[in-house]
Amino acid sequence: MFKYFHIIHFLMTHNLSQLKEHWRRDIIKRRKFKWSRLLKTITRSTDLNPRYWFWWRLAREMHLHGSKKQKSISNLINLGLIKNYNIEITLNVDIGFNPFISHFCGIVINGNAEIGNNFICRQNVTIGWKSHPLKVIIGDNVKIGASSVILGGEIKIGDNTEIGAMSFITRDIPNNCIVYTEKKNKIIEKTIY
């Protein structure tokens, strides 16, 4: 109950224009923001995306602009999201409008990633770093296939790029590309004694 007091206090005392715009475009998907539409969507939708993005956006905003106690509450919200949705997106990740997660399972987006609008992510994706300084930049309209890994120090993935399932990305990708890591099966017959 104490946690909700700090959330309500944050919502009543801070400029929420950017947060409302994210909620409008990510969750309500209408021209005008209304609290009633937001609450109706997150409570009645069977899709997990509206609820997840509602709480993640709120936690991120509190993490960036809240008091020390509110930042602590934002970390608790994010820990709850990790537990309930099996997704770990740190609160310093910058994600554009209208992200979509196809399957809520094993996604990790770590560090100072910057992700554009209309990002589609499938299950078991890892976005992180292999060296410092870290800055993984993902453009607009990027789709990442299941079980893909993006590791970089300084790496940029261009707009309108599709990354195939089980791909391993360690370097820049230009705009308008389809990328996948070639995989080959090797079959070795067992010697039976």
N, C-alpha and C. Protein backbone atom coordinates (compact mmCIF):
# COMPACT_ATOMS: atom_id res chain seq x y z
N MET A 1 0.82 -1.20 0.00
CA MET A 1 0.00 0.00 0.00
C MET A 1 0.87 1.26 0.00
N PHE A 2 1.96 1.23 0.76
CA PHE A 2 2.88 2.36 0.84
C PHE A 2 3.45 2.69 -0.54
N LYS A 3 3.71 1.64 -1.35
CA LYS A 3 4.24 1.82 -2.70
C LYS A 3 3.27 2.64 -3.56
N TYR A 4 1.97 2.35 -3.44
CA TYR A 4 0.98 3.06 -4.26
C TYR A 4 0.87 4.53 -3.87
N PHE A 5 1.09 4.86 -2.63
CA PHE A 5 1.10 6.26 -2.21
C PHE A 5 2.16 7.03 -3.00
N HIS A 6 3.38 6.46 -3.11
CA HIS A 6 4.46 7.14 -3.84
C HIS A 6 4.18 7.20 -5.34
N ILE A 7 3.54 6.18 -5.87
CA ILE A 7 3.18 6.21 -7.29
C ILE A 7 2.16 7.32 -7.54
N ILE A 8 1.13 7.39 -6.73
CA ILE A 8 0.10 8.43 -6.89
C ILE A 8 0.70 9.81 -6.70
N HIS A 9 1.57 9.95 -5.69
CA HIS A 9 2.23 11.24 -5.46
C HIS A 9 3.05 11.64 -6.69
N PHE A 10 3.77 10.70 -7.29
CA PHE A 10 4.54 10.99 -8.50
C PHE A 10 3.62 11.44 -9.63
N LEU A 11 2.52 10.71 -9.84
CA LEU A 11 1.59 11.04 -10.92
C LEU A 11 0.94 12.41 -10.74
N MET A 12 0.76 12.84 -9.50
CA MET A 12 0.10 14.11 -9.25
C MET A 12 1.05 15.30 -9.24
N THR A 13 2.35 15.05 -9.07
CA THR A 13 3.27 16.18 -8.90
C THR A 13 4.27 16.36 -10.05
N HIS A 14 4.28 15.49 -11.01
CA HIS A 14 5.26 15.59 -12.10
C HIS A 14 4.59 15.88 -13.44
N ASN A 15 5.37 16.40 -14.36
CA ASN A 15 4.89 16.63 -15.71
C ASN A 15 4.78 15.26 -16.40
N LEU A 16 3.58 14.88 -16.75
CA LEU A 16 3.34 13.56 -17.33
C LEU A 16 3.12 13.59 -18.83
N SER A 17 3.43 14.69 -19.49
CA SER A 17 3.12 14.80 -20.92
C SER A 17 3.80 13.72 -21.75
N GLN A 18 5.07 13.44 -21.49
CA GLN A 18 5.77 12.41 -22.26
C GLN A 18 5.24 11.02 -21.91
N LEU A 19 4.99 10.76 -20.65
CA LEU A 19 4.46 9.48 -20.22
C LEU A 19 3.07 9.24 -20.82
N LYS A 20 2.22 10.26 -20.79
CA LYS A 20 0.88 10.13 -21.38
C LYS A 20 0.95 9.88 -22.88
N GLU A 21 1.89 10.52 -23.55
CA GLU A 21 2.04 10.30 -24.99
C GLU A 21 2.45 8.86 -25.28
N HIS A 22 3.37 8.32 -24.47
CA HIS A 22 3.74 6.91 -24.63
C HIS A 22 2.54 6.01 -24.37
N TRP A 23 1.81 6.25 -23.30
CA TRP A 23 0.64 5.43 -22.99
C TRP A 23 -0.40 5.54 -24.09
N ARG A 24 -0.59 6.75 -24.64
CA ARG A 24 -1.58 6.95 -25.70
C ARG A 24 -1.22 6.11 -26.93
N ARG A 25 0.05 6.18 -27.33
CA ARG A 25 0.47 5.49 -28.55
C ARG A 25 0.72 4.01 -28.34
N ASP A 26 1.22 3.62 -27.17
CA ASP A 26 1.53 2.22 -26.90
C ASP A 26 0.31 1.41 -26.51
N ILE A 27 -0.59 2.00 -25.75
CA ILE A 27 -1.67 1.24 -25.12
C ILE A 27 -3.04 1.60 -25.67
N ILE A 28 -3.39 2.89 -25.63
CA ILE A 28 -4.73 3.31 -26.05
C ILE A 28 -4.88 3.25 -27.57
N LYS A 29 -3.85 3.67 -28.28
CA LYS A 29 -3.82 3.67 -29.75
C LYS A 29 -4.98 4.49 -30.34
N ARG A 30 -5.22 5.62 -29.71
CA ARG A 30 -6.23 6.57 -30.19
C ARG A 30 -5.59 7.94 -30.29
N ARG A 31 -6.31 8.88 -30.86
CA ARG A 31 -5.78 10.23 -31.04
C ARG A 31 -5.67 11.01 -29.74
N LYS A 32 -6.56 10.72 -28.80
CA LYS A 32 -6.63 11.52 -27.59
C LYS A 32 -6.41 10.64 -26.36
N PHE A 33 -5.63 11.15 -25.40
CA PHE A 33 -5.40 10.43 -24.15
C PHE A 33 -6.56 10.65 -23.21
N LYS A 34 -7.06 9.56 -22.63
CA LYS A 34 -8.07 9.64 -21.57
C LYS A 34 -7.70 8.60 -20.53
N TRP A 35 -7.74 9.01 -19.26
CA TRP A 35 -7.41 8.09 -18.18
C TRP A 35 -8.35 6.88 -18.19
N SER A 36 -9.63 7.12 -18.47
CA SER A 36 -10.61 6.03 -18.46
C SER A 36 -10.28 4.98 -19.52
N ARG A 37 -9.88 5.44 -20.71
CA ARG A 37 -9.50 4.50 -21.77
C ARG A 37 -8.24 3.72 -21.39
N LEU A 38 -7.28 4.39 -20.78
CA LEU A 38 -6.05 3.73 -20.37
C LEU A 38 -6.35 2.62 -19.36
N LEU A 39 -7.11 2.95 -18.31
CA LEU A 39 -7.41 1.97 -17.27
C LEU A 39 -8.27 0.83 -17.81
N LYS A 40 -9.20 1.15 -18.69
CA LYS A 40 -10.04 0.11 -19.30
C LYS A 40 -9.19 -0.86 -20.13
N THR A 41 -8.26 -0.32 -20.89
CA THR A 41 -7.41 -1.16 -21.76
C THR A 41 -6.50 -2.07 -20.94
N ILE A 42 -5.86 -1.52 -19.91
CA ILE A 42 -4.91 -2.36 -19.16
C ILE A 42 -5.62 -3.37 -18.26
N THR A 43 -6.87 -3.12 -17.89
CA THR A 43 -7.56 -4.08 -17.03
C THR A 43 -8.34 -5.12 -17.82
N ARG A 44 -8.78 -4.81 -19.02
CA ARG A 44 -9.63 -5.73 -19.77
C ARG A 44 -8.92 -6.49 -20.88
N SER A 45 -7.77 -6.04 -21.31
CA SER A 45 -7.09 -6.67 -22.43
C SER A 45 -6.53 -8.04 -22.04
N THR A 46 -6.68 -9.01 -22.93
CA THR A 46 -6.08 -10.33 -22.71
C THR A 46 -4.64 -10.36 -23.20
N ASP A 47 -4.25 -9.37 -24.00
CA ASP A 47 -2.87 -9.24 -24.47
C ASP A 47 -2.02 -8.72 -23.30
N LEU A 48 -0.85 -9.29 -23.11
CA LEU A 48 0.02 -8.87 -22.02
C LEU A 48 0.73 -7.54 -22.29
N ASN A 49 0.85 -7.14 -23.55
CA ASN A 49 1.58 -5.93 -23.90
C ASN A 49 1.07 -4.67 -23.20
N PRO A 50 -0.24 -4.38 -23.21
CA PRO A 50 -0.68 -3.13 -22.55
C PRO A 50 -0.30 -3.04 -21.08
N ARG A 51 -0.50 -4.10 -20.30
CA ARG A 51 -0.16 -4.07 -18.88
C ARG A 51 1.34 -3.93 -18.67
N TYR A 52 2.11 -4.71 -19.45
CA TYR A 52 3.56 -4.65 -19.28
C TYR A 52 4.07 -3.25 -19.57
N TRP A 53 3.68 -2.70 -20.73
CA TRP A 53 4.20 -1.39 -21.11
C TRP A 53 3.66 -0.28 -20.22
N PHE A 54 2.47 -0.39 -19.67
CA PHE A 54 1.98 0.59 -18.71
C PHE A 54 2.93 0.68 -17.52
N TRP A 55 3.22 -0.47 -16.90
CA TRP A 55 4.04 -0.48 -15.69
C TRP A 55 5.50 -0.16 -16.00
N TRP A 56 6.03 -0.64 -17.14
CA TRP A 56 7.43 -0.36 -17.45
C TRP A 56 7.64 1.13 -17.72
N ARG A 57 6.71 1.73 -18.49
CA ARG A 57 6.83 3.17 -18.78
C ARG A 57 6.74 3.99 -17.49
N LEU A 58 5.82 3.62 -16.61
CA LEU A 58 5.70 4.34 -15.34
C LEU A 58 6.97 4.19 -14.51
N ALA A 59 7.50 2.97 -14.40
CA ALA A 59 8.72 2.73 -13.63
C ALA A 59 9.89 3.51 -14.22
N ARG A 60 10.00 3.54 -15.54
CA ARG A 60 11.11 4.27 -16.18
C ARG A 60 11.01 5.77 -15.90
N GLU A 61 9.80 6.30 -16.01
CA GLU A 61 9.61 7.74 -15.75
C GLU A 61 9.95 8.08 -14.30
N MET A 62 9.54 7.22 -13.38
CA MET A 62 9.87 7.43 -11.96
C MET A 62 11.38 7.30 -11.74
N HIS A 63 12.01 6.37 -12.43
CA HIS A 63 13.45 6.17 -12.32
C HIS A 63 14.23 7.40 -12.81
N LEU A 64 13.73 8.01 -13.88
CA LEU A 64 14.42 9.16 -14.46
C LEU A 64 14.14 10.47 -13.71
N HIS A 65 12.90 10.67 -13.24
CA HIS A 65 12.50 11.98 -12.74
C HIS A 65 11.97 11.99 -11.31
N GLY A 66 11.96 10.84 -10.65
CA GLY A 66 11.38 10.79 -9.31
C GLY A 66 12.37 11.12 -8.21
N SER A 67 11.84 11.20 -7.01
CA SER A 67 12.67 11.40 -5.82
C SER A 67 13.43 10.10 -5.53
N LYS A 68 14.27 10.14 -4.52
CA LYS A 68 15.05 8.95 -4.15
C LYS A 68 14.12 7.78 -3.80
N LYS A 69 13.06 8.05 -3.05
CA LYS A 69 12.10 7.00 -2.68
C LYS A 69 11.35 6.50 -3.91
N GLN A 70 10.97 7.42 -4.81
CA GLN A 70 10.25 7.03 -6.02
C GLN A 70 11.14 6.20 -6.94
N LYS A 71 12.43 6.52 -6.98
CA LYS A 71 13.37 5.70 -7.77
C LYS A 71 13.47 4.30 -7.18
N SER A 72 13.45 4.21 -5.86
CA SER A 72 13.47 2.92 -5.19
C SER A 72 12.21 2.12 -5.54
N ILE A 73 11.06 2.79 -5.55
CA ILE A 73 9.79 2.14 -5.92
C ILE A 73 9.83 1.70 -7.38
N SER A 74 10.45 2.50 -8.25
CA SER A 74 10.54 2.12 -9.67
C SER A 74 11.33 0.83 -9.84
N ASN A 75 12.37 0.67 -9.04
CA ASN A 75 13.15 -0.58 -9.09
C ASN A 75 12.31 -1.76 -8.61
N LEU A 76 11.47 -1.55 -7.60
CA LEU A 76 10.57 -2.61 -7.13
C LEU A 76 9.56 -2.99 -8.21
N ILE A 77 9.03 -1.98 -8.91
CA ILE A 77 8.10 -2.25 -10.01
C ILE A 77 8.79 -3.09 -11.07
N ASN A 78 10.01 -2.71 -11.42
CA ASN A 78 10.74 -3.45 -12.46
C ASN A 78 11.04 -4.88 -12.01
N LEU A 79 11.39 -5.08 -10.74
CA LEU A 79 11.60 -6.43 -10.23
C LEU A 79 10.32 -7.26 -10.33
N GLY A 80 9.18 -6.63 -10.07
CA GLY A 80 7.90 -7.32 -10.22
C GLY A 80 7.63 -7.70 -11.67
N LEU A 81 7.99 -6.81 -12.59
CA LEU A 81 7.82 -7.11 -14.02
C LEU A 81 8.71 -8.28 -14.44
N ILE A 82 9.93 -8.31 -13.94
CA ILE A 82 10.84 -9.41 -14.25
C ILE A 82 10.25 -10.73 -13.75
N LYS A 83 9.73 -10.71 -12.55
CA LYS A 83 9.16 -11.93 -11.95
C LYS A 83 7.89 -12.38 -12.68
N ASN A 84 6.99 -11.44 -12.97
CA ASN A 84 5.68 -11.79 -13.53
C ASN A 84 5.68 -12.02 -15.04
N TYR A 85 6.61 -11.37 -15.76
CA TYR A 85 6.59 -11.47 -17.22
C TYR A 85 7.81 -12.19 -17.79
N ASN A 86 8.79 -12.50 -16.95
CA ASN A 86 10.02 -13.17 -17.38
C ASN A 86 10.77 -12.36 -18.44
N ILE A 87 10.77 -11.05 -18.26
CA ILE A 87 11.46 -10.14 -19.16
C ILE A 87 12.24 -9.14 -18.31
N GLU A 88 13.49 -8.92 -18.69
CA GLU A 88 14.31 -7.96 -17.95
C GLU A 88 14.76 -6.85 -18.89
N ILE A 89 14.08 -5.74 -18.81
CA ILE A 89 14.47 -4.54 -19.57
C ILE A 89 14.84 -3.50 -18.53
N THR A 90 16.13 -3.14 -18.48
CA THR A 90 16.55 -2.18 -17.46
C THR A 90 15.91 -0.82 -17.72
N LEU A 91 15.79 -0.03 -16.68
CA LEU A 91 15.06 1.23 -16.76
C LEU A 91 15.84 2.35 -17.45
N ASN A 92 17.12 2.13 -17.75
CA ASN A 92 17.86 3.16 -18.49
C ASN A 92 17.82 2.92 -20.00
N VAL A 93 17.09 1.90 -20.45
CA VAL A 93 16.91 1.67 -21.89
C VAL A 93 15.90 2.68 -22.41
N ASP A 94 16.19 3.29 -23.55
CA ASP A 94 15.29 4.25 -24.19
C ASP A 94 14.56 3.54 -25.31
N ILE A 95 13.24 3.38 -25.18
CA ILE A 95 12.44 2.66 -26.18
C ILE A 95 11.42 3.62 -26.76
N GLY A 96 11.34 3.68 -28.09
CA GLY A 96 10.41 4.57 -28.78
C GLY A 96 8.97 4.11 -28.64
N PHE A 97 8.11 4.69 -29.46
CA PHE A 97 6.68 4.41 -29.39
C PHE A 97 6.34 3.04 -29.98
N ASN A 98 5.27 2.46 -29.46
CA ASN A 98 4.63 1.28 -30.00
C ASN A 98 5.51 0.03 -30.06
N PRO A 99 6.19 -0.33 -28.98
CA PRO A 99 6.93 -1.59 -28.97
C PRO A 99 5.95 -2.76 -28.84
N PHE A 100 6.36 -3.93 -29.31
CA PHE A 100 5.50 -5.10 -29.21
C PHE A 100 6.36 -6.33 -28.92
N ILE A 101 5.95 -7.09 -27.93
CA ILE A 101 6.63 -8.33 -27.59
C ILE A 101 5.70 -9.47 -27.97
N SER A 102 6.17 -10.35 -28.87
CA SER A 102 5.32 -11.43 -29.36
C SER A 102 5.08 -12.50 -28.30
N HIS A 103 6.14 -12.92 -27.62
CA HIS A 103 6.02 -13.96 -26.61
C HIS A 103 6.82 -13.54 -25.39
N PHE A 104 6.16 -13.47 -24.26
CA PHE A 104 6.80 -13.01 -23.03
C PHE A 104 7.60 -14.16 -22.41
N CYS A 105 8.84 -14.28 -22.83
CA CYS A 105 9.68 -15.37 -22.32
C CYS A 105 11.15 -15.05 -22.54
N GLY A 106 11.91 -14.87 -21.47
CA GLY A 106 13.36 -14.82 -21.52
C GLY A 106 14.00 -13.69 -22.27
N ILE A 107 13.39 -12.52 -22.33
CA ILE A 107 13.97 -11.38 -23.05
C ILE A 107 14.80 -10.56 -22.07
N VAL A 108 16.04 -10.21 -22.48
CA VAL A 108 16.91 -9.37 -21.66
C VAL A 108 17.42 -8.23 -22.54
N ILE A 109 17.11 -7.00 -22.15
CA ILE A 109 17.64 -5.81 -22.82
C ILE A 109 18.35 -5.02 -21.74
N ASN A 110 19.66 -4.94 -21.86
CA ASN A 110 20.50 -4.45 -20.79
C ASN A 110 21.25 -3.19 -21.20
N GLY A 111 21.56 -2.38 -20.23
CA GLY A 111 22.46 -1.25 -20.45
C GLY A 111 21.84 -0.07 -21.15
N ASN A 112 22.67 0.69 -21.81
CA ASN A 112 22.24 1.93 -22.45
C ASN A 112 21.78 1.71 -23.88
N ALA A 113 20.87 0.79 -24.09
CA ALA A 113 20.33 0.57 -25.44
C ALA A 113 19.36 1.69 -25.77
N GLU A 114 19.30 2.00 -27.04
CA GLU A 114 18.36 3.00 -27.55
C GLU A 114 17.60 2.33 -28.68
N ILE A 115 16.29 2.19 -28.52
CA ILE A 115 15.47 1.44 -29.46
C ILE A 115 14.42 2.37 -30.05
N GLY A 116 14.25 2.32 -31.36
CA GLY A 116 13.32 3.21 -32.05
C GLY A 116 11.86 2.77 -31.96
N ASN A 117 11.03 3.39 -32.78
CA ASN A 117 9.59 3.13 -32.81
C ASN A 117 9.27 1.81 -33.49
N ASN A 118 8.12 1.25 -33.14
CA ASN A 118 7.58 0.04 -33.77
C ASN A 118 8.54 -1.15 -33.69
N PHE A 119 9.16 -1.32 -32.56
CA PHE A 119 10.10 -2.41 -32.30
C PHE A 119 9.31 -3.68 -32.01
N ILE A 120 9.63 -4.77 -32.70
CA ILE A 120 8.99 -6.07 -32.45
C ILE A 120 10.06 -7.04 -31.99
N CYS A 121 9.81 -7.66 -30.86
CA CYS A 121 10.78 -8.56 -30.25
C CYS A 121 10.11 -9.89 -29.94
N ARG A 122 10.77 -10.96 -30.30
CA ARG A 122 10.25 -12.29 -29.99
C ARG A 122 11.00 -12.89 -28.82
N GLN A 123 10.64 -14.09 -28.41
CA GLN A 123 11.13 -14.71 -27.18
C GLN A 123 12.62 -14.98 -27.20
N ASN A 124 13.19 -14.99 -25.98
CA ASN A 124 14.59 -15.35 -25.72
C ASN A 124 15.60 -14.47 -26.45
N VAL A 125 15.31 -13.20 -26.59
CA VAL A 125 16.24 -12.25 -27.23
C VAL A 125 17.10 -11.61 -26.15
N THR A 126 18.39 -11.47 -26.45
CA THR A 126 19.31 -10.78 -25.55
C THR A 126 19.95 -9.62 -26.30
N ILE A 127 19.87 -8.44 -25.72
CA ILE A 127 20.53 -7.26 -26.27
C ILE A 127 21.41 -6.72 -25.15
N GLY A 128 22.71 -6.69 -25.39
CA GLY A 128 23.62 -6.28 -24.33
C GLY A 128 24.92 -5.77 -24.89
N TRP A 129 26.01 -6.00 -24.16
CA TRP A 129 27.29 -5.47 -24.58
C TRP A 129 28.37 -6.50 -24.37
N LYS A 130 29.47 -6.30 -25.09
CA LYS A 130 30.65 -7.14 -24.89
C LYS A 130 31.84 -6.31 -24.42
N SER A 131 31.75 -4.99 -24.54
CA SER A 131 32.82 -4.11 -24.09
C SER A 131 32.23 -2.73 -23.78
N HIS A 132 33.04 -1.87 -23.22
CA HIS A 132 32.59 -0.51 -22.92
C HIS A 132 33.29 0.46 -23.85
N PRO A 133 32.77 1.61 -24.21
CA PRO A 133 31.50 2.12 -23.78
C PRO A 133 30.34 1.45 -24.54
N LEU A 134 29.25 1.28 -23.87
CA LEU A 134 28.09 0.61 -24.43
C LEU A 134 27.15 1.61 -25.06
N LYS A 135 26.71 1.32 -26.25
CA LYS A 135 25.60 2.06 -26.85
C LYS A 135 25.09 1.23 -28.01
N VAL A 136 24.10 0.41 -27.76
CA VAL A 136 23.45 -0.35 -28.82
C VAL A 136 22.28 0.50 -29.29
N ILE A 137 22.30 0.90 -30.56
CA ILE A 137 21.25 1.73 -31.13
C ILE A 137 20.49 0.90 -32.16
N ILE A 138 19.19 0.79 -31.95
CA ILE A 138 18.32 0.03 -32.85
C ILE A 138 17.32 1.02 -33.44
N GLY A 139 17.23 1.05 -34.76
CA GLY A 139 16.39 2.03 -35.45
C GLY A 139 14.90 1.72 -35.37
N ASP A 140 14.13 2.43 -36.19
CA ASP A 140 12.68 2.26 -36.25
C ASP A 140 12.32 1.03 -37.07
N ASN A 141 11.17 0.44 -36.75
CA ASN A 141 10.59 -0.68 -37.50
C ASN A 141 11.52 -1.88 -37.59
N VAL A 142 12.18 -2.21 -36.49
CA VAL A 142 13.09 -3.35 -36.45
C VAL A 142 12.37 -4.54 -35.82
N LYS A 143 12.54 -5.70 -36.46
CA LYS A 143 11.96 -6.95 -35.95
C LYS A 143 13.11 -7.88 -35.61
N ILE A 144 13.06 -8.44 -34.39
CA ILE A 144 14.12 -9.35 -33.96
C ILE A 144 13.51 -10.72 -33.70
N GLY A 145 14.05 -11.72 -34.38
CA GLY A 145 13.54 -13.08 -34.28
C GLY A 145 13.92 -13.77 -32.98
N ALA A 146 13.25 -14.88 -32.73
CA ALA A 146 13.42 -15.64 -31.49
C ALA A 146 14.86 -16.09 -31.29
N SER A 147 15.29 -16.06 -30.04
CA SER A 147 16.61 -16.55 -29.61
C SER A 147 17.78 -15.85 -30.27
N SER A 148 17.60 -14.61 -30.66
CA SER A 148 18.69 -13.83 -31.25
C SER A 148 19.47 -13.12 -30.16
N VAL A 149 20.74 -12.85 -30.46
CA VAL A 149 21.62 -12.17 -29.52
C VAL A 149 22.27 -11.00 -30.24
N ILE A 150 22.20 -9.82 -29.64
CA ILE A 150 22.87 -8.63 -30.16
C ILE A 150 23.83 -8.17 -29.09
N LEU A 151 25.13 -8.30 -29.37
CA LEU A 151 26.16 -7.89 -28.43
C LEU A 151 27.04 -6.86 -29.09
N GLY A 152 27.27 -5.76 -28.42
CA GLY A 152 28.13 -4.76 -29.01
C GLY A 152 28.64 -3.77 -28.00
N GLY A 153 29.72 -3.11 -28.36
CA GLY A 153 30.19 -1.98 -27.59
C GLY A 153 29.50 -0.76 -28.16
N GLU A 154 29.79 -0.48 -29.39
CA GLU A 154 29.13 0.57 -30.16
C GLU A 154 28.58 -0.12 -31.40
N ILE A 155 27.28 -0.31 -31.45
CA ILE A 155 26.67 -1.02 -32.58
C ILE A 155 25.37 -0.32 -32.96
N LYS A 156 25.11 -0.25 -34.27
CA LYS A 156 23.89 0.40 -34.76
C LYS A 156 23.19 -0.53 -35.73
N ILE A 157 21.91 -0.73 -35.49
CA ILE A 157 21.07 -1.52 -36.39
C ILE A 157 20.11 -0.55 -37.04
N GLY A 158 20.14 -0.51 -38.37
CA GLY A 158 19.39 0.49 -39.13
C GLY A 158 17.88 0.26 -39.13
N ASP A 159 17.17 1.27 -39.65
CA ASP A 159 15.71 1.22 -39.75
C ASP A 159 15.27 0.10 -40.69
N ASN A 160 14.05 -0.38 -40.46
CA ASN A 160 13.40 -1.38 -41.32
C ASN A 160 14.21 -2.65 -41.50
N THR A 161 14.89 -3.07 -40.45
CA THR A 161 15.73 -4.27 -40.50
C THR A 161 15.01 -5.43 -39.83
N GLU A 162 15.15 -6.60 -40.42
CA GLU A 162 14.61 -7.82 -39.82
C GLU A 162 15.77 -8.74 -39.50
N ILE A 163 15.82 -9.19 -38.27
CA ILE A 163 16.87 -10.10 -37.83
C ILE A 163 16.23 -11.47 -37.62
N GLY A 164 16.74 -12.46 -38.34
CA GLY A 164 16.17 -13.79 -38.29
C GLY A 164 16.40 -14.49 -36.96
N ALA A 165 15.64 -15.53 -36.73
CA ALA A 165 15.73 -16.30 -35.49
C ALA A 165 17.13 -16.87 -35.30
N MET A 166 17.56 -16.95 -34.07
CA MET A 166 18.84 -17.51 -33.66
C MET A 166 20.04 -16.83 -34.32
N SER A 167 19.93 -15.54 -34.55
CA SER A 167 21.04 -14.79 -35.14
C SER A 167 21.94 -14.24 -34.05
N PHE A 168 23.21 -14.09 -34.40
CA PHE A 168 24.21 -13.53 -33.48
C PHE A 168 24.79 -12.30 -34.14
N ILE A 169 24.47 -11.12 -33.62
CA ILE A 169 24.83 -9.85 -34.25
C ILE A 169 25.88 -9.15 -33.39
N THR A 170 27.02 -8.81 -34.01
CA THR A 170 28.10 -8.12 -33.29
C THR A 170 28.61 -6.90 -34.03
N ARG A 171 27.98 -6.54 -35.14
CA ARG A 171 28.45 -5.38 -35.89
C ARG A 171 27.27 -4.60 -36.46
N ASP A 172 27.56 -3.43 -36.99
CA ASP A 172 26.52 -2.56 -37.53
C ASP A 172 25.78 -3.23 -38.69
N ILE A 173 24.48 -2.87 -38.80
CA ILE A 173 23.65 -3.34 -39.90
C ILE A 173 23.01 -2.11 -40.52
N PRO A 174 23.13 -1.94 -41.84
CA PRO A 174 22.53 -0.75 -42.48
C PRO A 174 21.00 -0.85 -42.52
N ASN A 175 20.36 0.22 -42.96
CA ASN A 175 18.90 0.26 -43.11
C ASN A 175 18.42 -0.76 -44.13
N ASN A 176 17.17 -1.15 -43.99
CA ASN A 176 16.46 -1.97 -44.97
C ASN A 176 17.15 -3.29 -45.28
N CYS A 177 17.50 -4.03 -44.26
CA CYS A 177 18.19 -5.31 -44.46
C CYS A 177 17.42 -6.45 -43.79
N ILE A 178 17.65 -7.63 -44.31
CA ILE A 178 17.26 -8.86 -43.64
C ILE A 178 18.55 -9.56 -43.29
N VAL A 179 18.71 -9.89 -42.01
CA VAL A 179 19.97 -10.45 -41.52
C VAL A 179 19.67 -11.75 -40.78
N TYR A 180 20.49 -12.75 -41.03
CA TYR A 180 20.38 -13.98 -40.26
C TYR A 180 21.75 -14.63 -40.19
N THR A 181 21.95 -15.44 -39.19
CA THR A 181 23.19 -16.17 -39.04
C THR A 181 22.98 -17.56 -39.62
N GLU A 182 23.82 -17.92 -40.58
CA GLU A 182 23.69 -19.24 -41.19
C GLU A 182 24.02 -20.32 -40.19
N LYS A 183 23.16 -21.30 -40.17
CA LYS A 183 23.37 -22.43 -39.27
C LYS A 183 23.35 -23.70 -40.10
N LYS A 184 24.24 -24.62 -39.79
CA LYS A 184 24.28 -25.89 -40.50
C LYS A 184 24.23 -27.01 -39.47
N ASN A 185 23.50 -28.04 -39.81
CA ASN A 185 23.46 -29.22 -38.95
C ASN A 185 24.57 -30.16 -39.33
N LYS A 186 25.18 -30.74 -38.36
CA LYS A 186 26.19 -31.76 -38.59
C LYS A 186 25.70 -33.03 -37.91
N ILE A 187 25.58 -34.09 -38.69
CA ILE A 187 25.08 -35.35 -38.16
C ILE A 187 26.23 -36.33 -38.09
N ILE A 188 26.45 -36.86 -36.90
CA ILE A 188 27.51 -37.85 -36.70
C ILE A 188 26.85 -39.12 -36.21
N GLU A 189 27.06 -40.18 -36.93
CA GLU A 189 26.46 -41.45 -36.51
C GLU A 189 27.21 -41.99 -35.31
N LYS A 190 26.45 -42.53 -34.39
CA LYS A 190 27.03 -43.12 -33.19
C LYS A 190 27.61 -44.50 -33.52
N THR A 191 28.69 -44.76 -32.89
CA THR A 191 29.26 -46.10 -33.00
C THR A 191 28.70 -46.90 -31.83
N ILE A 192 27.99 -47.96 -32.14
CA ILE A 192 27.39 -48.77 -31.09
C ILE A 192 28.28 -49.98 -30.84
N TYR A 193 28.65 -50.19 -29.62
CA TYR A 193 29.53 -51.31 -29.26
C TYR A 193 28.75 -52.50 -28.84
